[in-house]
């Protein structure tokens, strides 16, 4: 049986700290109501936690940990799920309910057992990276969702939507049940800067380009061991290590606070957006990748032109020398080659 991944474990531990450090809600009579008590997580799920499916005939690209998948895919906990840019995706969780990722949304999921309203219940734990997710819980299941710098705890059977706007701020819409924001401890602020890049990056068709960002803290000191998520828009290309169409990848910063990935351009020219975000924060860098034609002066063409020019020079010398001693030697210049 496959074990829950590192990220799922880290996500659950962060949820435990955040939820248990929040003050207990107080009702009008001064006591916390049964459903308003904070969720307390005390065990993680083992084995598969749910599944997501895409039809083989679909041209849409669903990515799991940056790899495109088709058909039914089992989730074990901690995977980074990215919906296609042109359609939403529904994820089913055993004994918990369903989550619908809007077009282009990115989220990480895990499950646990916890205490919701004083009753032991299965709990969905989610970290929203981009876009919107809509959650519909089973009558006996609760949820904890972290989006950027905000966190939300949902009562059993609740139905709600959490989204991130263009500035990375979280928004909540509750359709049924109770969903309450949780008080968060002060979070560290990070600065994400590109390394050796500007806001516009040029890459030739079918070529590769290394993309690096450095994460520093408020004192401009590099921060190691932070998960950084690189995301591409819908303009083509993919990250190294991903199958066709892989447009998301999670990378941990090294001792210098640098997270690195490699972008591979597709066969067509065009522009694509790219972003690098410290997971579970609003701290990010974004830019544009421009895929351009290779042009005439590639290495192969340079070698061919140089060879042709050298051959032409040799032919000119040979023709001049064949005229005899009493004839003036007029070297024949090499042909002028224009791209």
C-alpha atoms as a PDB file:
ATOM      1  CA  UNK A   1       0.000   0.000   0.000  1.00  0.00           C
ATOM      2  CA  UNK A   2       1.370   3.365  -1.000  1.00  0.00           C
ATOM      3  CA  UNK A   3       2.168   5.780   1.824  1.00  0.00           C
ATOM      4  CA  UNK A   4       0.887   9.339   2.039  1.00  0.00           C
ATOM      5  CA  UNK A   5       3.480  11.713   0.546  1.00  0.00           C
ATOM      6  CA  UNK A   6       5.605  14.283   2.289  1.00  0.00           C
ATOM      7  CA  UNK A   7       3.508  17.204   1.157  1.00  0.00           C
ATOM      8  CA  UNK A   8       0.301  15.649   2.448  1.00  0.00           C
ATOM      9  CA  UNK A   9       1.912  15.116   5.826  1.00  0.00           C
ATOM     10  CA  UNK A  10       3.262  18.683   5.908  1.00  0.00           C
ATOM     11  CA  UNK A  11      -0.121  20.050   4.866  1.00  0.00           C
ATOM     12  CA  UNK A  12      -1.907  18.150   7.625  1.00  0.00           C
ATOM     13  CA  UNK A  13       0.566  19.280  10.242  1.00  0.00           C
ATOM     14  CA  UNK A  14       0.124  22.904   9.153  1.00  0.00           C
ATOM     15  CA  UNK A  15      -3.636  22.449   9.401  1.00  0.00           C
ATOM     16  CA  UNK A  16      -3.391  21.048  12.927  1.00  0.00           C
ATOM     17  CA  UNK A  17      -1.303  24.009  14.087  1.00  0.00           C
ATOM     18  CA  UNK A  18      -3.552  26.559  12.391  1.00  0.00           C
ATOM     19  CA  UNK A  19      -6.834  25.103  13.582  1.00  0.00           C
ATOM     20  CA  UNK A  20      -5.904  24.277  17.148  1.00  0.00           C
ATOM     21  CA  UNK A  21      -4.315  27.707  17.646  1.00  0.00           C
ATOM     22  CA  UNK A  22      -7.554  29.441  16.632  1.00  0.00           C
ATOM     23  CA  UNK A  23      -9.847  30.644  19.413  1.00  0.00           C
ATOM     24  CA  UNK A  24     -13.046  28.704  19.985  1.00  0.00           C
ATOM     25  CA  UNK A  25     -16.087  30.486  18.519  1.00  0.00           C
ATOM     26  CA  UNK A  26     -18.527  31.765  21.126  1.00  0.00           C
ATOM     27  CA  UNK A  27     -22.316  31.815  20.679  1.00  0.00           C
ATOM     28  CA  UNK A  28     -24.837  34.314  21.998  1.00  0.00           C
ATOM     29  CA  UNK A  29     -25.126  32.416  25.267  1.00  0.00           C
ATOM     30  CA  UNK A  30     -21.389  32.492  25.812  1.00  0.00           C
ATOM     31  CA  UNK A  31     -20.851  28.821  24.939  1.00  0.00           C
ATOM     32  CA  UNK A  32     -19.490  27.372  21.723  1.00  0.00           C
ATOM     33  CA  UNK A  33     -22.234  25.698  19.748  1.00  0.00           C
ATOM     34  CA  UNK A  34     -21.862  22.080  18.719  1.00  0.00           C
ATOM     35  CA  UNK A  35     -21.083  22.830  15.068  1.00  0.00           C
ATOM     36  CA  UNK A  36     -18.970  25.931  15.712  1.00  0.00           C
ATOM     37  CA  UNK A  37     -16.223  24.117  17.573  1.00  0.00           C
ATOM     38  CA  UNK A  38     -12.917  24.103  15.682  1.00  0.00           C
ATOM     39  CA  UNK A  39     -11.929  20.986  13.755  1.00  0.00           C
ATOM     40  CA  UNK A  40      -9.331  18.856  15.503  1.00  0.00           C
ATOM     41  CA  UNK A  41      -7.337  16.476  13.321  1.00  0.00           C
ATOM     42  CA  UNK A  42      -5.844  13.446  14.982  1.00  0.00           C
ATOM     43  CA  UNK A  43      -5.022  10.904  12.248  1.00  0.00           C
ATOM     44  CA  UNK A  44      -4.211  10.807   8.545  1.00  0.00           C
ATOM     45  CA  UNK A  45      -5.765   8.540   5.964  1.00  0.00           C
ATOM     46  CA  UNK A  46      -3.901   5.462   4.708  1.00  0.00           C
ATOM     47  CA  UNK A  47      -4.344   4.100   1.214  1.00  0.00           C
ATOM     48  CA  UNK A  48      -6.087   5.827  -1.696  1.00  0.00           C
ATOM     49  CA  UNK A  49      -8.158   8.873  -0.738  1.00  0.00           C
ATOM     50  CA  UNK A  50     -10.069   9.441  -3.970  1.00  0.00           C
ATOM     51  CA  UNK A  51      -9.984   9.515  -7.739  1.00  0.00           C
ATOM     52  CA  UNK A  52     -10.224  11.814 -10.729  1.00  0.00           C
ATOM     53  CA  UNK A  53     -11.121  10.825 -14.268  1.00  0.00           C
ATOM     54  CA  UNK A  54     -10.601  12.262 -17.764  1.00  0.00           C
ATOM     55  CA  UNK A  55     -11.928  10.620 -20.924  1.00  0.00           C
ATOM     56  CA  UNK A  56      -9.329   9.296 -23.343  1.00  0.00           C
ATOM     57  CA  UNK A  57     -11.096  11.084 -26.203  1.00  0.00           C
ATOM     58  CA  UNK A  58     -10.789  14.465 -24.495  1.00  0.00           C
ATOM     59  CA  UNK A  59      -8.247  16.952 -25.827  1.00  0.00           C
ATOM     60  CA  UNK A  60      -8.037  18.601 -22.420  1.00  0.00           C
ATOM     61  CA  UNK A  61      -4.911  18.116 -20.340  1.00  0.00           C
ATOM     62  CA  UNK A  62      -5.367  17.211 -16.667  1.00  0.00           C
ATOM     63  CA  UNK A  63      -2.043  17.309 -14.823  1.00  0.00           C
ATOM     64  CA  UNK A  64      -1.141  15.398 -11.654  1.00  0.00           C
ATOM     65  CA  UNK A  65       2.180  16.572 -10.206  1.00  0.00           C
ATOM     66  CA  UNK A  66       2.911  18.145 -13.586  1.00  0.00           C
ATOM     67  CA  UNK A  67       2.246  14.975 -15.597  1.00  0.00           C
ATOM     68  CA  UNK A  68      -0.672  14.722 -17.973  1.00  0.00           C
ATOM     69  CA  UNK A  69      -3.060  11.844 -17.241  1.00  0.00           C
ATOM     70  CA  UNK A  70      -5.966  10.289 -19.128  1.00  0.00           C
ATOM     71  CA  UNK A  71      -8.646   7.969 -17.869  1.00  0.00           C
ATOM     72  CA  UNK A  72      -9.149   7.317 -14.149  1.00  0.00           C
ATOM     73  CA  UNK A  73      -6.352   8.302 -11.781  1.00  0.00           C
ATOM     74  CA  UNK A  74      -6.193   7.333  -8.090  1.00  0.00           C
ATOM     75  CA  UNK A  75      -5.115   9.965  -5.553  1.00  0.00           C
ATOM     76  CA  UNK A  76      -3.056   8.917  -2.537  1.00  0.00           C
ATOM     77  CA  UNK A  77      -2.770  12.302  -0.838  1.00  0.00           C
ATOM     78  CA  UNK A  78      -0.456  15.253  -1.397  1.00  0.00           C
ATOM     79  CA  UNK A  79      -0.632  15.330  -5.213  1.00  0.00           C
ATOM     80  CA  UNK A  80      -0.740  18.653  -7.031  1.00  0.00           C
ATOM     81  CA  UNK A  81      -3.847  18.558  -9.245  1.00  0.00           C
ATOM     82  CA  UNK A  82      -4.212  21.044 -12.115  1.00  0.00           C
ATOM     83  CA  UNK A  83      -7.434  21.303 -14.132  1.00  0.00           C
ATOM     84  CA  UNK A  84      -7.223  21.914 -17.897  1.00  0.00           C
ATOM     85  CA  UNK A  85      -7.421  25.511 -19.078  1.00  0.00           C
ATOM     86  CA  UNK A  86     -10.580  24.775 -21.059  1.00  0.00           C
ATOM     87  CA  UNK A  87     -12.712  22.677 -18.689  1.00  0.00           C
ATOM     88  CA  UNK A  88     -13.411  21.956 -15.044  1.00  0.00           C
ATOM     89  CA  UNK A  89     -12.555  18.679 -13.291  1.00  0.00           C
ATOM     90  CA  UNK A  90     -14.401  16.787 -10.563  1.00  0.00           C
ATOM     91  CA  UNK A  91     -12.505  14.875  -7.885  1.00  0.00           C
ATOM     92  CA  UNK A  92     -14.315  12.289  -5.746  1.00  0.00           C
ATOM     93  CA  UNK A  93     -13.153  11.526  -2.206  1.00  0.00           C
ATOM     94  CA  UNK A  94     -14.177   8.363  -0.388  1.00  0.00           C
ATOM     95  CA  UNK A  95     -16.730   9.031   2.390  1.00  0.00           C
ATOM     96  CA  UNK A  96     -16.081  12.800   2.114  1.00  0.00           C
ATOM     97  CA  UNK A  97     -17.693  14.162  -1.028  1.00  0.00           C
ATOM     98  CA  UNK A  98     -16.694  15.905  -4.228  1.00  0.00           C
ATOM     99  CA  UNK A  99     -14.491  18.822  -5.215  1.00  0.00           C
ATOM    100  CA  UNK A 100     -14.811  20.570  -8.564  1.00  0.00           C
ATOM    101  CA  UNK A 101     -11.754  22.429  -9.816  1.00  0.00           C
ATOM    102  CA  UNK A 102     -12.637  25.332 -12.104  1.00  0.00           C
ATOM    103  CA  UNK A 103     -10.807  25.784 -15.385  1.00  0.00           C
ATOM    104  CA  UNK A 104      -7.083  26.088 -14.769  1.00  0.00           C
ATOM    105  CA  UNK A 105      -7.425  25.704 -10.986  1.00  0.00           C
ATOM    106  CA  UNK A 106      -4.571  24.113  -9.036  1.00  0.00           C
ATOM    107  CA  UNK A 107      -4.889  22.495  -5.602  1.00  0.00           C
ATOM    108  CA  UNK A 108      -3.336  19.900  -3.321  1.00  0.00           C
ATOM    109  CA  UNK A 109      -5.476  17.422  -1.375  1.00  0.00           C
ATOM    110  CA  UNK A 110      -5.230  15.111   1.633  1.00  0.00           C
ATOM    111  CA  UNK A 111      -7.711  13.501   4.027  1.00  0.00           C
ATOM    112  CA  UNK A 112      -7.757  12.766   7.738  1.00  0.00           C
ATOM    113  CA  UNK A 113      -9.941  11.759  10.658  1.00  0.00           C
ATOM    114  CA  UNK A 114     -10.900  14.578  12.949  1.00  0.00           C
ATOM    115  CA  UNK A 115     -13.356  15.952  15.447  1.00  0.00           C
ATOM    116  CA  UNK A 116     -16.002  18.140  13.845  1.00  0.00           C
ATOM    117  CA  UNK A 117     -18.603  19.568  16.183  1.00  0.00           C
ATOM    118  CA  UNK A 118     -17.608  17.084  18.872  1.00  0.00           C
ATOM    119  CA  UNK A 119     -18.053  14.062  16.563  1.00  0.00           C
ATOM    120  CA  UNK A 120     -15.376  11.940  14.902  1.00  0.00           C
ATOM    121  CA  UNK A 121     -15.613  12.537  11.161  1.00  0.00           C
ATOM    122  CA  UNK A 122     -13.604  12.238   7.941  1.00  0.00           C
ATOM    123  CA  UNK A 123     -12.060  15.579   7.000  1.00  0.00           C
ATOM    124  CA  UNK A 124     -10.916  16.911   3.643  1.00  0.00           C
ATOM    125  CA  UNK A 125      -7.728  18.983   3.851  1.00  0.00           C
ATOM    126  CA  UNK A 126      -7.030  21.131   0.802  1.00  0.00           C
ATOM    127  CA  UNK A 127      -4.498  23.772  -0.193  1.00  0.00           C
ATOM    128  CA  UNK A 128      -5.651  26.016  -3.050  1.00  0.00           C
ATOM    129  CA  UNK A 129      -2.797  27.320  -5.210  1.00  0.00           C
ATOM    130  CA  UNK A 130      -4.674  29.012  -8.065  1.00  0.00           C
ATOM    131  CA  UNK A 131      -8.204  29.454  -9.354  1.00  0.00           C
ATOM    132  CA  UNK A 132     -11.422  28.293  -7.680  1.00  0.00           C
ATOM    133  CA  UNK A 133     -12.641  25.059  -6.105  1.00  0.00           C
ATOM    134  CA  UNK A 134     -16.193  24.111  -5.169  1.00  0.00           C
ATOM    135  CA  UNK A 135     -16.609  21.632  -2.303  1.00  0.00           C
ATOM    136  CA  UNK A 136     -19.685  19.502  -1.639  1.00  0.00           C
ATOM    137  CA  UNK A 137     -19.368  17.413   1.527  1.00  0.00           C
ATOM    138  CA  UNK A 138     -21.149  14.247   2.587  1.00  0.00           C
ATOM    139  CA  UNK A 139     -23.474  14.673   5.630  1.00  0.00           C
ATOM    140  CA  UNK A 140     -20.862  13.264   8.044  1.00  0.00           C
ATOM    141  CA  UNK A 141     -17.714  14.899   6.584  1.00  0.00           C
ATOM    142  CA  UNK A 142     -16.000  18.206   7.356  1.00  0.00           C
ATOM    143  CA  UNK A 143     -13.300  20.182   5.561  1.00  0.00           C
ATOM    144  CA  UNK A 144     -10.359  22.495   6.126  1.00  0.00           C
ATOM    145  CA  UNK A 145      -9.207  24.618   3.170  1.00  0.00           C
ATOM    146  CA  UNK A 146      -6.162  26.878   3.052  1.00  0.00           C
ATOM    147  CA  UNK A 147      -6.003  29.503   0.311  1.00  0.00           C
ATOM    148  CA  UNK A 148      -2.994  31.863   0.284  1.00  0.00           C
ATOM    149  CA  UNK A 149      -2.993  33.554   3.690  1.00  0.00           C
ATOM    150  CA  UNK A 150      -6.557  32.523   4.604  1.00  0.00           C
ATOM    151  CA  UNK A 151      -7.983  29.307   6.058  1.00  0.00           C
ATOM    152  CA  UNK A 152     -11.572  28.067   6.289  1.00  0.00           C
ATOM    153  CA  UNK A 153     -13.183  25.342   8.417  1.00  0.00           C
ATOM    154  CA  UNK A 154     -16.419  23.774   7.160  1.00  0.00           C
ATOM    155  CA  UNK A 155     -19.113  22.013   9.183  1.00  0.00           C
ATOM    156  CA  UNK A 156     -20.332  18.538   8.256  1.00  0.00           C
ATOM    157  CA  UNK A 157     -22.280  18.406   5.021  1.00  0.00           C
ATOM    158  CA  UNK A 158     -21.421  21.967   3.974  1.00  0.00           C
ATOM    159  CA  UNK A 159     -21.315  23.161   0.370  1.00  0.00           C
ATOM    160  CA  UNK A 160     -19.088  26.111  -0.506  1.00  0.00           C
ATOM    161  CA  UNK A 161     -16.621  27.661  -2.936  1.00  0.00           C
ATOM    162  CA  UNK A 162     -13.172  29.129  -2.296  1.00  0.00           C
ATOM    163  CA  UNK A 163     -11.288  31.136  -4.903  1.00  0.00           C
ATOM    164  CA  UNK A 164      -8.209  33.292  -5.377  1.00  0.00           C
ATOM    165  CA  UNK A 165      -8.401  36.579  -7.263  1.00  0.00           C
ATOM    166  CA  UNK A 166      -5.677  38.001  -9.514  1.00  0.00           C
ATOM    167  CA  UNK A 167      -3.903  39.516  -6.508  1.00  0.00           C
ATOM    168  CA  UNK A 168      -3.903  36.210  -4.629  1.00  0.00           C
ATOM    169  CA  UNK A 169      -6.590  37.116  -2.075  1.00  0.00           C
ATOM    170  CA  UNK A 170      -9.048  34.418  -0.987  1.00  0.00           C
ATOM    171  CA  UNK A 171     -12.817  34.738  -1.378  1.00  0.00           C
ATOM    172  CA  UNK A 172     -15.494  32.473   0.170  1.00  0.00           C
ATOM    173  CA  UNK A 173     -19.039  31.710  -0.995  1.00  0.00           C
ATOM    174  CA  UNK A 174     -21.145  29.472   1.275  1.00  0.00           C
ATOM    175  CA  UNK A 175     -24.130  27.671  -0.259  1.00  0.00           C
ATOM    176  CA  UNK A 176     -25.158  25.502   2.689  1.00  0.00           C
ATOM    177  CA  UNK A 177     -23.896  24.601   6.157  1.00  0.00           C
ATOM    178  CA  UNK A 178     -21.395  26.672   8.091  1.00  0.00           C
ATOM    179  CA  UNK A 179     -17.982  27.717   6.797  1.00  0.00           C
ATOM    180  CA  UNK A 180     -15.945  30.065   8.956  1.00  0.00           C
ATOM    181  CA  UNK A 181     -12.568  31.755   8.448  1.00  0.00           C
ATOM    182  CA  UNK A 182      -9.921  30.701  10.926  1.00  0.00           C
ATOM    183  CA  UNK A 183      -7.642  33.165  12.695  1.00  0.00           C
ATOM    184  CA  UNK A 184      -4.153  32.832  11.296  1.00  0.00           C
ATOM    185  CA  UNK A 185      -0.831  33.474  12.999  1.00  0.00           C
ATOM    186  CA  UNK A 186       1.286  36.179  11.403  1.00  0.00           C
ATOM    187  CA  UNK A 187       2.935  34.675   8.351  1.00  0.00           C
ATOM    188  CA  UNK A 188       6.412  35.343   7.129  1.00  0.00           C
ATOM    189  CA  UNK A 189       6.701  37.478   4.035  1.00  0.00           C
ATOM    190  CA  UNK A 190       8.851  36.322   1.158  1.00  0.00           C
ATOM    191  CA  UNK A 191      10.321  38.054  -1.856  1.00  0.00           C
ATOM    192  CA  UNK A 192      10.463  35.974  -5.034  1.00  0.00           C
ATOM    193  CA  UNK A 193      12.883  37.240  -7.683  1.00  0.00           C
ATOM    194  CA  UNK A 194      14.040  35.736 -10.995  1.00  0.00           C
ATOM    195  CA  UNK A 195      17.697  34.763 -11.318  1.00  0.00           C
ATOM    196  CA  UNK A 196      19.295  35.968 -14.550  1.00  0.00           C
ATOM    197  CA  UNK A 197      15.905  36.688 -16.113  1.00  0.00           C
ATOM    198  CA  UNK A 198      13.726  39.684 -16.835  1.00  0.00           C
ATOM    199  CA  UNK A 199       9.971  39.865 -16.969  1.00  0.00           C
ATOM    200  CA  UNK A 200      10.127  38.704 -20.619  1.00  0.00           C
ATOM    201  CA  UNK A 201      12.005  35.531 -21.539  1.00  0.00           C
ATOM    202  CA  UNK A 202      12.705  34.479 -25.141  1.00  0.00           C
ATOM    203  CA  UNK A 203      13.040  30.807 -26.107  1.00  0.00           C
ATOM    204  CA  UNK A 204      13.428  29.346 -29.609  1.00  0.00           C
ATOM    205  CA  UNK A 205      10.880  26.789 -30.794  1.00  0.00           C
ATOM    206  CA  UNK A 206      11.597  23.288 -29.426  1.00  0.00           C
ATOM    207  CA  UNK A 207      14.458  24.700 -27.328  1.00  0.00           C
ATOM    208  CA  UNK A 208      14.851  24.603 -23.547  1.00  0.00           C
ATOM    209  CA  UNK A 209      15.520  27.348 -21.028  1.00  0.00           C
ATOM    210  CA  UNK A 210      16.315  27.072 -17.345  1.00  0.00           C
ATOM    211  CA  UNK A 211      14.027  29.117 -15.116  1.00  0.00           C
ATOM    212  CA  UNK A 212      15.278  30.040 -11.647  1.00  0.00           C
ATOM    213  CA  UNK A 213      13.865  32.162  -8.848  1.00  0.00           C
ATOM    214  CA  UNK A 214      15.317  33.010  -5.467  1.00  0.00           C
ATOM    215  CA  UNK A 215      13.209  33.282  -2.326  1.00  0.00           C
ATOM    216  CA  UNK A 216      14.410  35.620   0.439  1.00  0.00           C
ATOM    217  CA  UNK A 217      12.874  36.752   3.718  1.00  0.00           C
ATOM    218  CA  UNK A 218      12.204  40.241   5.083  1.00  0.00           C
ATOM    219  CA  UNK A 219      15.923  40.614   5.831  1.00  0.00           C
ATOM    220  CA  UNK A 220      16.879  39.620   2.272  1.00  0.00           C
ATOM    221  CA  UNK A 221      18.289  36.274   3.467  1.00  0.00           C
ATOM    222  CA  UNK A 222      17.809  33.180   1.279  1.00  0.00           C
ATOM    223  CA  UNK A 223      15.157  30.764   2.572  1.00  0.00           C
ATOM    224  CA  UNK A 224      15.843  27.040   1.976  1.00  0.00           C
ATOM    225  CA  UNK A 225      13.393  24.097   1.911  1.00  0.00           C
ATOM    226  CA  UNK A 226      10.357  26.073   0.731  1.00  0.00           C
ATOM    227  CA  UNK A 227       7.983  24.567  -1.849  1.00  0.00           C
ATOM    228  CA  UNK A 228       7.683  26.820  -4.903  1.00  0.00           C
ATOM    229  CA  UNK A 229       5.074  26.066  -7.553  1.00  0.00           C
ATOM    230  CA  UNK A 230       5.812  27.022 -11.163  1.00  0.00           C
ATOM    231  CA  UNK A 231       2.730  27.444 -13.342  1.00  0.00           C
ATOM    232  CA  UNK A 232       2.300  28.038 -17.076  1.00  0.00           C
ATOM    233  CA  UNK A 233      -0.676  29.624 -18.773  1.00  0.00           C
ATOM    234  CA  UNK A 234      -2.324  28.170 -21.847  1.00  0.00           C
ATOM    235  CA  UNK A 235       0.210  29.305 -24.447  1.00  0.00           C
ATOM    236  CA  UNK A 236       2.061  26.034 -25.015  1.00  0.00           C
ATOM    237  CA  UNK A 237       5.307  24.511 -23.796  1.00  0.00           C
ATOM    238  CA  UNK A 238       5.961  22.380 -20.737  1.00  0.00           C
ATOM    239  CA  UNK A 239       8.269  21.884 -17.784  1.00  0.00           C
ATOM    240  CA  UNK A 240      11.035  19.274 -17.742  1.00  0.00           C
ATOM    241  CA  UNK A 241      10.051  15.934 -16.267  1.00  0.00           C
ATOM    242  CA  UNK A 242       6.438  16.348 -17.372  1.00  0.00           C
ATOM    243  CA  UNK A 243       4.710  14.505 -20.169  1.00  0.00           C
ATOM    244  CA  UNK A 244       3.114  16.370 -23.079  1.00  0.00           C
ATOM    245  CA  UNK A 245       1.276  19.405 -21.800  1.00  0.00           C
ATOM    246  CA  UNK A 246       2.640  19.374 -18.237  1.00  0.00           C
ATOM    247  CA  UNK A 247       2.194  22.951 -17.058  1.00  0.00           C
ATOM    248  CA  UNK A 248       2.822  22.801 -13.311  1.00  0.00           C
ATOM    249  CA  UNK A 249       5.692  21.624 -11.170  1.00  0.00           C
ATOM    250  CA  UNK A 250       6.590  21.924  -7.487  1.00  0.00           C
ATOM    251  CA  UNK A 251      10.243  22.565  -6.604  1.00  0.00           C
ATOM    252  CA  UNK A 252      11.890  22.974  -3.194  1.00  0.00           C
ATOM    253  CA  UNK A 253      14.396  25.798  -2.707  1.00  0.00           C
ATOM    254  CA  UNK A 254      18.024  24.840  -2.108  1.00  0.00           C
ATOM    255  CA  UNK A 255      20.445  26.236   0.492  1.00  0.00           C
ATOM    256  CA  UNK A 256      20.706  29.487  -1.492  1.00  0.00           C
ATOM    257  CA  UNK A 257      16.929  29.830  -1.605  1.00  0.00           C
ATOM    258  CA  UNK A 258      16.862  29.025  -5.337  1.00  0.00           C
ATOM    259  CA  UNK A 259      14.172  26.934  -7.006  1.00  0.00           C
ATOM    260  CA  UNK A 260      14.949  25.732 -10.544  1.00  0.00           C
ATOM    261  CA  UNK A 261      13.016  24.147 -13.371  1.00  0.00           C
ATOM    262  CA  UNK A 262      13.440  23.811 -17.132  1.00  0.00           C
ATOM    263  CA  UNK A 263      10.970  25.075 -19.717  1.00  0.00           C
ATOM    264  CA  UNK A 264      10.723  23.308 -23.074  1.00  0.00           C
ATOM    265  CA  UNK A 265       9.124  25.267 -25.901  1.00  0.00           C
ATOM    266  CA  UNK A 266       6.679  23.700 -28.318  1.00  0.00           C
ATOM    267  CA  UNK A 267       6.840  23.684 -32.133  1.00  0.00           C
ATOM    268  CA  UNK A 268       4.899  26.939 -32.582  1.00  0.00           C
ATOM    269  CA  UNK A 269       5.705  30.552 -31.810  1.00  0.00           C
ATOM    270  CA  UNK A 270       3.662  32.537 -29.309  1.00  0.00           C
ATOM    271  CA  UNK A 271       3.578  33.869 -25.755  1.00  0.00           C
ATOM    272  CA  UNK A 272       2.847  32.168 -22.462  1.00  0.00           C
ATOM    273  CA  UNK A 273       2.600  33.412 -18.899  1.00  0.00           C
ATOM    274  CA  UNK A 274       4.711  31.879 -16.153  1.00  0.00           C
ATOM    275  CA  UNK A 275       4.551  32.314 -12.394  1.00  0.00           C
ATOM    276  CA  UNK A 276       6.483  31.046  -9.383  1.00  0.00           C
ATOM    277  CA  UNK A 277       4.615  31.126  -6.060  1.00  0.00           C
ATOM    278  CA  UNK A 278       5.646  30.113  -2.565  1.00  0.00           C
ATOM    279  CA  UNK A 279       2.973  27.559  -1.727  1.00  0.00           C
ATOM    280  CA  UNK A 280       0.177  28.669   0.630  1.00  0.00           C
ATOM    281  CA  UNK A 281       1.191  32.340   0.282  1.00  0.00           C
ATOM    282  CA  UNK A 282       0.522  35.290  -2.009  1.00  0.00           C
ATOM    283  CA  UNK A 283       4.250  35.801  -2.547  1.00  0.00           C
ATOM    284  CA  UNK A 284       5.141  35.187  -6.188  1.00  0.00           C
ATOM    285  CA  UNK A 285       6.897  36.304  -9.366  1.00  0.00           C
ATOM    286  CA  UNK A 286       5.310  36.316 -12.795  1.00  0.00           C
ATOM    287  CA  UNK A 287       6.609  36.902 -16.289  1.00  0.00           C
ATOM    288  CA  UNK A 288       6.081  36.119 -19.964  1.00  0.00           C
ATOM    289  CA  UNK A 289       7.787  33.486 -22.109  1.00  0.00           C
ATOM    290  CA  UNK A 290       8.009  34.363 -25.812  1.00  0.00           C
ATOM    291  CA  UNK A 291       8.626  31.422 -28.131  1.00  0.00           C
ATOM    292  CA  UNK A 292      10.330  32.633 -31.314  1.00  0.00           C
ATOM    293  CA  UNK A 293      11.601  31.119 -34.544  1.00  0.00           C
ATOM    294  CA  UNK A 294      15.212  29.972 -34.506  1.00  0.00           C
ATOM    295  CA  UNK A 295      16.257  32.328 -37.357  1.00  0.00           C
ATOM    296  CA  UNK A 296      18.821  31.737 -40.126  1.00  0.00           C
ATOM    297  CA  UNK A 297      22.052  31.957 -38.136  1.00  0.00           C
ATOM    298  CA  UNK A 298      21.721  28.715 -36.207  1.00  0.00           C
ATOM    299  CA  UNK A 299      24.887  26.721 -35.481  1.00  0.00           C
ATOM    300  CA  UNK A 300      24.088  24.316 -38.309  1.00  0.00           C
ATOM    301  CA  UNK A 301      23.597  27.098 -40.838  1.00  0.00           C
ATOM    302  CA  UNK A 302      26.753  28.879 -39.694  1.00  0.00           C
ATOM    303  CA  UNK A 303      28.810  25.736 -40.313  1.00  0.00           C
ATOM    304  CA  UNK A 304      27.247  25.244 -43.755  1.00  0.00           C
ATOM    305  CA  UNK A 305      27.933  28.859 -44.791  1.00  0.00           C
ATOM    306  CA  UNK A 306      31.496  28.779 -43.496  1.00  0.00           C
ATOM    307  CA  UNK A 307      32.130  25.558 -45.392  1.00  0.00           C
ATOM    308  CA  UNK A 308      30.691  26.989 -48.604  1.00  0.00           C
ATOM    309  CA  UNK A 309      32.737  30.162 -48.263  1.00  0.00           C
ATOM    310  CA  UNK A 310      35.946  28.216 -47.656  1.00  0.00           C
ATOM    311  CA  UNK A 311      35.296  26.062 -50.724  1.00  0.00           C
ATOM    312  CA  UNK A 312      34.629  29.155 -52.832  1.00  0.00           C
ATOM    313  CA  UNK A 313      37.900  30.769 -51.733  1.00  0.00           C
ATOM    314  CA  UNK A 314      39.812  27.600 -52.597  1.00  0.00           C
ATOM    315  CA  UNK A 315      38.213  27.448 -56.057  1.00  0.00           C
ATOM    316  CA  UNK A 316      39.125  31.087 -56.735  1.00  0.00           C
ATOM    317  CA  UNK A 317      42.816  30.539 -55.962  1.00  0.00           C
ATOM    318  CA  UNK A 318      42.956  27.442 -58.154  1.00  0.00           C
ATOM    319  CA  UNK A 319      41.406  29.202 -61.187  1.00  0.00           C
ATOM    320  CA  UNK A 320      43.795  32.166 -60.918  1.00  0.00           C
ATOM    321  CA  UNK A 321      46.895  29.993 -60.633  1.00  0.00           C
ATOM    322  CA  UNK A 322      46.021  28.083 -63.841  1.00  0.00           C
ATOM    323  CA  UNK A 323      46.560  31.179 -66.096  1.00  0.00           C
ATOM    324  CA  UNK A 324      50.391  30.901 -66.456  1.00  0.00           C
ATOM    325  CA  UNK A 325      53.392  33.101 -65.503  1.00  0.00           C
ATOM    326  CA  UNK A 326      52.763  35.829 -68.096  1.00  0.00           C
ATOM    327  CA  UNK A 327      49.217  36.446 -67.075  1.00  0.00           C
ATOM    328  CA  UNK A 328      48.210  38.679 -64.222  1.00  0.00           C
ATOM    329  CA  UNK A 329      46.718  36.809 -61.304  1.00  0.00           C
ATOM    330  CA  UNK A 330      43.335  38.153 -60.372  1.00  0.00           C
ATOM    331  CA  UNK A 331      41.898  36.396 -57.282  1.00  0.00           C
ATOM    332  CA  UNK A 332      38.220  35.584 -57.521  1.00  0.00           C
ATOM    333  CA  UNK A 333      36.447  36.839 -54.406  1.00  0.00           C
ATOM    334  CA  UNK A 334      34.162  34.475 -52.519  1.00  0.00           C
ATOM    335  CA  UNK A 335      30.444  34.934 -53.043  1.00  0.00           C
ATOM    336  CA  UNK A 336      28.636  37.206 -50.642  1.00  0.00           C
ATOM    337  CA  UNK A 337      26.217  35.186 -48.536  1.00  0.00           C
ATOM    338  CA  UNK A 338      23.197  36.872 -47.064  1.00  0.00           C
ATOM    339  CA  UNK A 339      20.798  35.292 -44.615  1.00  0.00           C
END
